[in-house]
Every structure is written in structure tokens, then in C-alpha cells.
Amino acid sequence: MEFMIAIIFLIIGVLIGKVIFKDQPIGDLRVDRSDPTCEPYLFLELNSDVRDIMRRKNATFRVKVENFIPRK
């Protein structure tokens, strides 16, 4: 019986840890593929200061593919 309770608490702890320590995106990586003759243009839009990001070893971004009309 104690073993089953320990397993249940272990599973609950793992689920709570996944929610707390989930990687939060720190900005957007925009991809512009509106010009088919060129490689896609990449734009980085950050939500926080660059100094905060430099302290990290890993970073997570949201990827947004937005095709804009090229300039003439």
C-alpha cells in the first residue's frame, strides 16, 4: 500500500516539474519567404533584454512564417 502511494506521489511530482520547468519562448523567429528567387529572410524579435538571454545556455523561439510583399 505504501508503495502505491509513493508511486502516485512520484507521478504527481514529475507532472508538476514538467509544468514548472517547461521552456518558455523568449521571442519570435520570423521567416519571410515572399521572394521565391532568394533564400528566406530571418528576423529575430525578442521579448526580453539581450543580457538576460546571454546568460542562458539554450533558448526557445516561436517560429512564424509570414510572407510580405517584396519591395520594388
PDB file of N, CA and C in Angstrom:
ATOM      1  N   MET A   1       0.815  -1.195   0.000  1.00  0.00           N
ATOM      2  CA  MET A   1       0.000   0.000   0.000  1.00  0.00           C
ATOM      3  C   MET A   1       0.862   1.265   0.000  1.00  0.00           C
ATOM      4  N   GLU A   2       1.901   1.277   0.831  1.00  0.00           N
ATOM      5  CA  GLU A   2       2.794   2.436   0.881  1.00  0.00           C
ATOM      6  C   GLU A   2       3.533   2.621  -0.448  1.00  0.00           C
ATOM      7  N   PHE A   3       3.810   1.489  -1.095  1.00  0.00           N
ATOM      8  CA  PHE A   3       4.499   1.543  -2.379  1.00  0.00           C
ATOM      9  C   PHE A   3       3.633   2.240  -3.428  1.00  0.00           C
ATOM     10  N   MET A   4       2.347   1.936  -3.439  1.00  0.00           N
ATOM     11  CA  MET A   4       1.426   2.550  -4.393  1.00  0.00           C
ATOM     12  C   MET A   4       1.296   4.057  -4.136  1.00  0.00           C
ATOM     13  N   ILE A   5       1.246   4.465  -2.881  1.00  0.00           N
ATOM     14  CA  ILE A   5       1.163   5.883  -2.537  1.00  0.00           C
ATOM     15  C   ILE A   5       2.437   6.607  -2.981  1.00  0.00           C
ATOM     16  N   ALA A   6       3.596   5.964  -2.789  1.00  0.00           N
ATOM     17  CA  ALA A   6       4.861   6.561  -3.210  1.00  0.00           C
ATOM     18  C   ALA A   6       4.902   6.729  -4.730  1.00  0.00           C
ATOM     19  N   ILE A   7       4.409   5.761  -5.474  1.00  0.00           N
ATOM     20  CA  ILE A   7       4.374   5.838  -6.940  1.00  0.00           C
ATOM     21  C   ILE A   7       3.448   6.971  -7.389  1.00  0.00           C
ATOM     22  N   ILE A   8       2.299   7.103  -6.747  1.00  0.00           N
ATOM     23  CA  ILE A   8       1.357   8.171  -7.102  1.00  0.00           C
ATOM     24  C   ILE A   8       1.985   9.540  -6.855  1.00  0.00           C
ATOM     25  N   PHE A   9       2.635   9.721  -5.693  1.00  0.00           N
ATOM     26  CA  PHE A   9       3.288  10.999  -5.406  1.00  0.00           C
ATOM     27  C   PHE A   9       4.448  11.255  -6.370  1.00  0.00           C
ATOM     28  N   LEU A  10       5.144  10.224  -6.767  1.00  0.00           N
ATOM     29  CA  LEU A  10       6.229  10.372  -7.739  1.00  0.00           C
ATOM     30  C   LEU A  10       5.687  10.864  -9.084  1.00  0.00           C
ATOM     31  N   ILE A  11       4.596  10.287  -9.537  1.00  0.00           N
ATOM     32  CA  ILE A  11       3.994  10.699 -10.804  1.00  0.00           C
ATOM     33  C   ILE A  11       3.493  12.140 -10.724  1.00  0.00           C
ATOM     34  N   ILE A  12       2.856  12.500  -9.617  1.00  0.00           N
ATOM     35  CA  ILE A  12       2.383  13.872  -9.434  1.00  0.00           C
ATOM     36  C   ILE A  12       3.560  14.843  -9.428  1.00  0.00           C
ATOM     37  N   GLY A  13       4.644  14.496  -8.775  1.00  0.00           N
ATOM     38  CA  GLY A  13       5.835  15.343  -8.734  1.00  0.00           C
ATOM     39  C   GLY A  13       6.442  15.539 -10.109  1.00  0.00           C
ATOM     40  N   VAL A  14       6.490  14.487 -10.906  1.00  0.00           N
ATOM     41  CA  VAL A  14       7.043  14.589 -12.252  1.00  0.00           C
ATOM     42  C   VAL A  14       6.166  15.503 -13.111  1.00  0.00           C
ATOM     43  N   LEU A  15       4.860  15.379 -13.008  1.00  0.00           N
ATOM     44  CA  LEU A  15       3.958  16.230 -13.787  1.00  0.00           C
ATOM     45  C   LEU A  15       4.072  17.694 -13.380  1.00  0.00           C
ATOM     46  N   ILE A  16       4.157  17.968 -12.092  1.00  0.00           N
ATOM     47  CA  ILE A  16       4.325  19.348 -11.628  1.00  0.00           C
ATOM     48  C   ILE A  16       5.669  19.904 -12.093  1.00  0.00           C
ATOM     49  N   GLY A  17       6.725  19.102 -12.041  1.00  0.00           N
ATOM     50  CA  GLY A  17       8.044  19.537 -12.514  1.00  0.00           C
ATOM     51  C   GLY A  17       8.046  19.870 -13.996  1.00  0.00           C
ATOM     52  N   LYS A  18       7.320  19.096 -14.801  1.00  0.00           N
ATOM     53  CA  LYS A  18       7.247  19.387 -16.230  1.00  0.00           C
ATOM     54  C   LYS A  18       6.566  20.721 -16.494  1.00  0.00           C
ATOM     55  N   VAL A  19       5.535  21.030 -15.720  1.00  0.00           N
ATOM     56  CA  VAL A  19       4.821  22.292 -15.906  1.00  0.00           C
ATOM     57  C   VAL A  19       5.699  23.469 -15.478  1.00  0.00           C
ATOM     58  N   ILE A  20       6.375  23.339 -14.346  1.00  0.00           N
ATOM     59  CA  ILE A  20       7.185  24.439 -13.812  1.00  0.00           C
ATOM     60  C   ILE A  20       8.414  24.707 -14.668  1.00  0.00           C
ATOM     61  N   PHE A  21       9.107  23.662 -15.093  1.00  0.00           N
ATOM     62  CA  PHE A  21      10.383  23.828 -15.780  1.00  0.00           C
ATOM     63  C   PHE A  21      10.263  23.744 -17.298  1.00  0.00           C
ATOM     64  N   LYS A  22       9.050  23.916 -17.825  1.00  0.00           N
ATOM     65  CA  LYS A  22       8.856  23.921 -19.271  1.00  0.00           C
ATOM     66  C   LYS A  22       9.555  25.130 -19.869  1.00  0.00           C
ATOM     67  N   ASP A  23      10.229  24.937 -20.989  1.00  0.00           N
ATOM     68  CA  ASP A  23      10.919  26.042 -21.662  1.00  0.00           C
ATOM     69  C   ASP A  23       9.902  27.034 -22.196  1.00  0.00           C
ATOM     70  N   GLN A  24      10.042  28.266 -21.779  1.00  0.00           N
ATOM     71  CA  GLN A  24       9.181  29.340 -22.250  1.00  0.00           C
ATOM     72  C   GLN A  24       9.861  30.045 -23.425  1.00  0.00           C
ATOM     73  N   PRO A  25       9.132  30.307 -24.507  1.00  0.00           N
ATOM     74  CA  PRO A  25       9.744  31.027 -25.631  1.00  0.00           C
ATOM     75  C   PRO A  25      10.133  32.444 -25.227  1.00  0.00           C
ATOM     76  N   ILE A  26      11.291  32.884 -25.713  1.00  0.00           N
ATOM     77  CA  ILE A  26      11.790  34.213 -25.360  1.00  0.00           C
ATOM     78  C   ILE A  26      11.622  35.202 -26.507  1.00  0.00           C
ATOM     79  N   GLY A  27      10.983  34.773 -27.580  1.00  0.00           N
ATOM     80  CA  GLY A  27      10.764  35.665 -28.704  1.00  0.00           C
ATOM     81  C   GLY A  27      10.264  34.909 -29.915  1.00  0.00           C
ATOM     82  N   ASP A  28      10.247  35.621 -31.032  1.00  0.00           N
ATOM     83  CA  ASP A  28       9.752  35.062 -32.285  1.00  0.00           C
ATOM     84  C   ASP A  28      10.865  35.028 -33.323  1.00  0.00           C
ATOM     85  N   LEU A  29      10.902  33.968 -34.083  1.00  0.00           N
ATOM     86  CA  LEU A  29      11.764  33.874 -35.254  1.00  0.00           C
ATOM     87  C   LEU A  29      10.841  33.962 -36.462  1.00  0.00           C
ATOM     88  N   ARG A  30      10.864  35.110 -37.138  1.00  0.00           N
ATOM     89  CA  ARG A  30      10.003  35.322 -38.300  1.00  0.00           C
ATOM     90  C   ARG A  30      10.732  34.897 -39.557  1.00  0.00           C
ATOM     91  N   VAL A  31      10.042  34.168 -40.419  1.00  0.00           N
ATOM     92  CA  VAL A  31      10.595  33.700 -41.686  1.00  0.00           C
ATOM     93  C   VAL A  31       9.785  34.332 -42.807  1.00  0.00           C
ATOM     94  N   ASP A  32      10.468  35.062 -43.675  1.00  0.00           N
ATOM     95  CA  ASP A  32       9.825  35.727 -44.814  1.00  0.00           C
ATOM     96  C   ASP A  32      10.265  35.019 -46.086  1.00  0.00           C
ATOM     97  N   ARG A  33       9.316  34.350 -46.749  1.00  0.00           N
ATOM     98  CA  ARG A  33       9.621  33.625 -47.983  1.00  0.00           C
ATOM     99  C   ARG A  33       8.856  34.215 -49.160  1.00  0.00           C
ATOM    100  N   SER A  34       8.626  35.523 -49.149  1.00  0.00           N
ATOM    101  CA  SER A  34       7.810  36.136 -50.200  1.00  0.00           C
ATOM    102  C   SER A  34       8.545  36.250 -51.535  1.00  0.00           C
ATOM    103  N   ASP A  35       9.867  36.224 -51.533  1.00  0.00           N
ATOM    104  CA  ASP A  35      10.630  36.296 -52.777  1.00  0.00           C
ATOM    105  C   ASP A  35      11.096  34.882 -53.128  1.00  0.00           C
ATOM    106  N   PRO A  36      10.479  34.229 -54.095  1.00  0.00           N
ATOM    107  CA  PRO A  36      10.818  32.828 -54.391  1.00  0.00           C
ATOM    108  C   PRO A  36      12.203  32.636 -55.003  1.00  0.00           C
ATOM    109  N   THR A  37      12.822  33.706 -55.504  1.00  0.00           N
ATOM    110  CA  THR A  37      14.136  33.563 -56.137  1.00  0.00           C
ATOM    111  C   THR A  37      15.272  33.634 -55.119  1.00  0.00           C
ATOM    112  N   CYS A  38      15.006  34.082 -53.913  1.00  0.00           N
ATOM    113  CA  CYS A  38      16.038  34.235 -52.882  1.00  0.00           C
ATOM    114  C   CYS A  38      15.784  33.276 -51.721  1.00  0.00           C
ATOM    115  N   GLU A  39      16.813  33.137 -50.924  1.00  0.00           N
ATOM    116  CA  GLU A  39      16.662  32.372 -49.691  1.00  0.00           C
ATOM    117  C   GLU A  39      15.729  33.125 -48.749  1.00  0.00           C
ATOM    118  N   PRO A  40      15.093  32.441 -47.808  1.00  0.00           N
ATOM    119  CA  PRO A  40      14.194  33.143 -46.882  1.00  0.00           C
ATOM    120  C   PRO A  40      14.946  34.115 -45.987  1.00  0.00           C
ATOM    121  N   TYR A  41      14.293  35.226 -45.679  1.00  0.00           N
ATOM    122  CA  TYR A  41      14.839  36.202 -44.742  1.00  0.00           C
ATOM    123  C   TYR A  41      14.399  35.822 -43.342  1.00  0.00           C
ATOM    124  N   LEU A  42      15.318  35.930 -42.373  1.00  0.00           N
ATOM    125  CA  LEU A  42      15.016  35.603 -40.984  1.00  0.00           C
ATOM    126  C   LEU A  42      15.104  36.860 -40.137  1.00  0.00           C
ATOM    127  N   PHE A  43      14.121  37.050 -39.272  1.00  0.00           N
ATOM    128  CA  PHE A  43      14.078  38.179 -38.354  1.00  0.00           C
ATOM    129  C   PHE A  43      13.895  37.628 -36.945  1.00  0.00           C
ATOM    130  N   LEU A  44      14.650  38.152 -35.993  1.00  0.00           N
ATOM    131  CA  LEU A  44      14.544  37.728 -34.601  1.00  0.00           C
ATOM    132  C   LEU A  44      13.928  38.855 -33.786  1.00  0.00           C
ATOM    133  N   GLU A  45      12.798  38.572 -33.152  1.00  0.00           N
ATOM    134  CA  GLU A  45      12.114  39.545 -32.312  1.00  0.00           C
ATOM    135  C   GLU A  45      12.125  39.019 -30.878  1.00  0.00           C
ATOM    136  N   LEU A  46      12.837  39.710 -29.990  1.00  0.00           N
ATOM    137  CA  LEU A  46      12.997  39.249 -28.616  1.00  0.00           C
ATOM    138  C   LEU A  46      11.994  39.910 -27.683  1.00  0.00           C
ATOM    139  N   ASN A  47      11.544  39.166 -26.683  1.00  0.00           N
ATOM    140  CA  ASN A  47      10.621  39.700 -25.683  1.00  0.00           C
ATOM    141  C   ASN A  47      11.351  40.258 -24.469  1.00  0.00           C
ATOM    142  N   SER A  48      12.606  39.901 -24.291  1.00  0.00           N
ATOM    143  CA  SER A  48      13.356  40.358 -23.116  1.00  0.00           C
ATOM    144  C   SER A  48      14.679  40.980 -23.552  1.00  0.00           C
ATOM    145  N   ASP A  49      15.428  41.456 -22.582  1.00  0.00           N
ATOM    146  CA  ASP A  49      16.706  42.118 -22.840  1.00  0.00           C
ATOM    147  C   ASP A  49      17.745  41.107 -23.323  1.00  0.00           C
ATOM    148  N   VAL A  50      18.663  41.562 -24.152  1.00  0.00           N
ATOM    149  CA  VAL A  50      19.698  40.681 -24.702  1.00  0.00           C
ATOM    150  C   VAL A  50      20.598  40.145 -23.586  1.00  0.00           C
ATOM    151  N   ARG A  51      20.871  40.942 -22.562  1.00  0.00           N
ATOM    152  CA  ARG A  51      21.732  40.490 -21.456  1.00  0.00           C
ATOM    153  C   ARG A  51      21.122  39.301 -20.717  1.00  0.00           C
ATOM    154  N   ASP A  52      19.796  39.276 -20.605  1.00  0.00           N
ATOM    155  CA  ASP A  52      19.134  38.135 -19.971  1.00  0.00           C
ATOM    156  C   ASP A  52      19.284  36.870 -20.803  1.00  0.00           C
ATOM    157  N   ILE A  53      19.243  37.026 -22.102  1.00  0.00           N
ATOM    158  CA  ILE A  53      19.352  35.875 -22.997  1.00  0.00           C
ATOM    159  C   ILE A  53      20.778  35.350 -23.048  1.00  0.00           C
ATOM    160  N   MET A  54      21.769  36.233 -22.923  1.00  0.00           N
ATOM    161  CA  MET A  54      23.171  35.814 -22.983  1.00  0.00           C
ATOM    162  C   MET A  54      23.549  34.924 -21.803  1.00  0.00           C
ATOM    163  N   ARG A  55      22.814  34.973 -20.718  1.00  0.00           N
ATOM    164  CA  ARG A  55      23.105  34.130 -19.550  1.00  0.00           C
ATOM    165  C   ARG A  55      22.638  32.684 -19.749  1.00  0.00           C
ATOM    166  N   ARG A  56      21.776  32.469 -20.703  1.00  0.00           N
ATOM    167  CA  ARG A  56      21.224  31.135 -20.929  1.00  0.00           C
ATOM    168  C   ARG A  56      22.143  30.283 -21.786  1.00  0.00           C
ATOM    169  N   LYS A  57      22.006  28.968 -21.614  1.00  0.00           N
ATOM    170  CA  LYS A  57      22.710  28.049 -22.498  1.00  0.00           C
ATOM    171  C   LYS A  57      21.839  27.663 -23.690  1.00  0.00           C
ATOM    172  N   ASN A  58      20.527  27.610 -23.477  1.00  0.00           N
ATOM    173  CA  ASN A  58      19.569  27.251 -24.522  1.00  0.00           C
ATOM    174  C   ASN A  58      18.476  28.305 -24.587  1.00  0.00           C
ATOM    175  N   ALA A  59      17.908  28.451 -25.762  1.00  0.00           N
ATOM    176  CA  ALA A  59      16.810  29.396 -25.948  1.00  0.00           C
ATOM    177  C   ALA A  59      15.751  28.752 -26.833  1.00  0.00           C
ATOM    178  N   THR A  60      14.497  29.097 -26.557  1.00  0.00           N
ATOM    179  CA  THR A  60      13.372  28.579 -27.328  1.00  0.00           C
ATOM    180  C   THR A  60      12.646  29.756 -27.975  1.00  0.00           C
ATOM    181  N   PHE A  61      12.310  29.612 -29.266  1.00  0.00           N
ATOM    182  CA  PHE A  61      11.624  30.657 -30.005  1.00  0.00           C
ATOM    183  C   PHE A  61      10.349  30.103 -30.637  1.00  0.00           C
ATOM    184  N   ARG A  62       9.370  30.977 -30.834  1.00  0.00           N
ATOM    185  CA  ARG A  62       8.201  30.634 -31.637  1.00  0.00           C
ATOM    186  C   ARG A  62       8.571  30.948 -33.090  1.00  0.00           C
ATOM    187  N   VAL A  63       8.216  30.078 -34.019  1.00  0.00           N
ATOM    188  CA  VAL A  63       8.514  30.294 -35.438  1.00  0.00           C
ATOM    189  C   VAL A  63       7.244  30.765 -36.127  1.00  0.00           C
ATOM    190  N   LYS A  64       7.344  31.925 -36.780  1.00  0.00           N
ATOM    191  CA  LYS A  64       6.218  32.495 -37.515  1.00  0.00           C
ATOM    192  C   LYS A  64       6.632  32.674 -38.965  1.00  0.00           C
ATOM    193  N   VAL A  65       5.933  32.013 -39.864  1.00  0.00           N
ATOM    194  CA  VAL A  65       6.194  32.163 -41.301  1.00  0.00           C
ATOM    195  C   VAL A  65       5.212  33.201 -41.814  1.00  0.00           C
ATOM    196  N   GLU A  66       5.743  34.365 -42.174  1.00  0.00           N
ATOM    197  CA  GLU A  66       4.929  35.473 -42.676  1.00  0.00           C
ATOM    198  C   GLU A  66       5.523  35.954 -43.983  1.00  0.00           C
ATOM    199  N   ASN A  67       4.749  35.852 -45.032  1.00  0.00           N
ATOM    200  CA  ASN A  67       5.214  36.295 -46.346  1.00  0.00           C
ATOM    201  C   ASN A  67       4.750  37.725 -46.589  1.00  0.00           C
ATOM    202  N   PHE A  68       5.714  38.627 -46.732  1.00  0.00           N
ATOM    203  CA  PHE A  68       5.432  40.025 -47.013  1.00  0.00           C
ATOM    204  C   PHE A  68       5.710  40.305 -48.483  1.00  0.00           C
ATOM    205  N   ILE A  69       5.090  41.320 -49.010  1.00  0.00           N
ATOM    206  CA  ILE A  69       5.305  41.709 -50.396  1.00  0.00           C
ATOM    207  C   ILE A  69       6.713  42.305 -50.504  1.00  0.00           C
ATOM    208  N   PRO A  70       7.548  41.819 -51.443  1.00  0.00           N
ATOM    209  CA  PRO A  70       8.899  42.370 -51.561  1.00  0.00           C
ATOM    210  C   PRO A  70       8.864  43.808 -52.069  1.00  0.00           C
ATOM    211  N   ARG A  71       9.862  44.578 -51.665  1.00  0.00           N
ATOM    212  CA  ARG A  71       9.997  45.974 -52.103  1.00  0.00           C
ATOM    213  C   ARG A  71      10.482  46.025 -53.521  1.00  0.00           C
ATOM    214  N   LYS A  72      10.009  47.009 -54.252  1.00  0.00           N
ATOM    215  CA  LYS A  72      10.422  47.136 -55.670  1.00  0.00           C
ATOM    216  C   LYS A  72      11.201  48.391 -55.881  1.00  0.00           C
TER     217      LYS A  72
END
